[in-house]
Amino acid sequence: MNYIVAAVGDWNKTLFDEYVAKLSGSWAYVSTPTELKAKLAAGFDPKYIFFPHWRWIVPAEILNNYECVCFHMTDVPYGRGGSPLQNLIVRGHKDTVLTALQMEKDLDTGPVYLKQALSLAGSAEAIYNRASQSAWEMIAKIIADQIQPIPQRGDTVVFQRRTPKQSEIPSDLVPKQLYDYIRMLDAPGYPKAFIDKGLYQLEFDQAELTANTVIARVKIKLKDL
């Protein structure tokens, strides 16, 4: 049986190498849409294409011809849409679930294979690393148990994808909210939480919360004018 994992990030490639050594079948790893299309065009016919962490829209010809499985950090249908981690934290959630669902044309609407509890503690990078580990545990279970997806149930809540401008720290946050704001954006590839001050922009990461004090690293740079 053939399987493809389509993902970005060094941590996902490391997990791929770790897990495929334990799993049966023939596995391929791709990290760009071009690599994915090339692998399929070369005749590699997968039972599943798993997308643990992907940044691009998957074309309809792939969705319609292969069983594509993505992983979304909310208890769908609650939290369909973009920036799930940040939207959960700003709403005060401390925990969520990672959902494995079948991909469809519409975003996060497909039937669900399974869900697994996921803590939202720590930096965004730490949370994404935990989510990737959980995704691989779920991949192994989907294959071993031949899980069939079931339709989503419940009230639909759609999250909007956040923009870089929304990384600007509001001026009215209490210390716990400030801590959450900094940590939820603290991952490679994401615009850091920032404050504009005259000619400068102050970017924050590595936040810690002690009593009513937030301690964080700050990078000061000239703004793009």
Foldseek 3Di string as FASTA:
>chain_A
DEEEEEEDDPLLVVVVVVQVVVDDDHYYYHHDPVVVVVCVVVPRAHQEYEYAHHDDDDDPVDLVRHFYKYKDFAQPLEAWEADSLLVCVLVPDQKHKIWIFTDDNDTPQGFTQDIGIAGSDFALAVRSSVSSVVSSVVVRVCVVVVGDGDGHDDDHDYDYHDDLVVLEDDPPDFQVSVLSSQRHQADPPGNGRWHDDVQKIKGWHPWDDDDRDIDTDIDIDGDDD
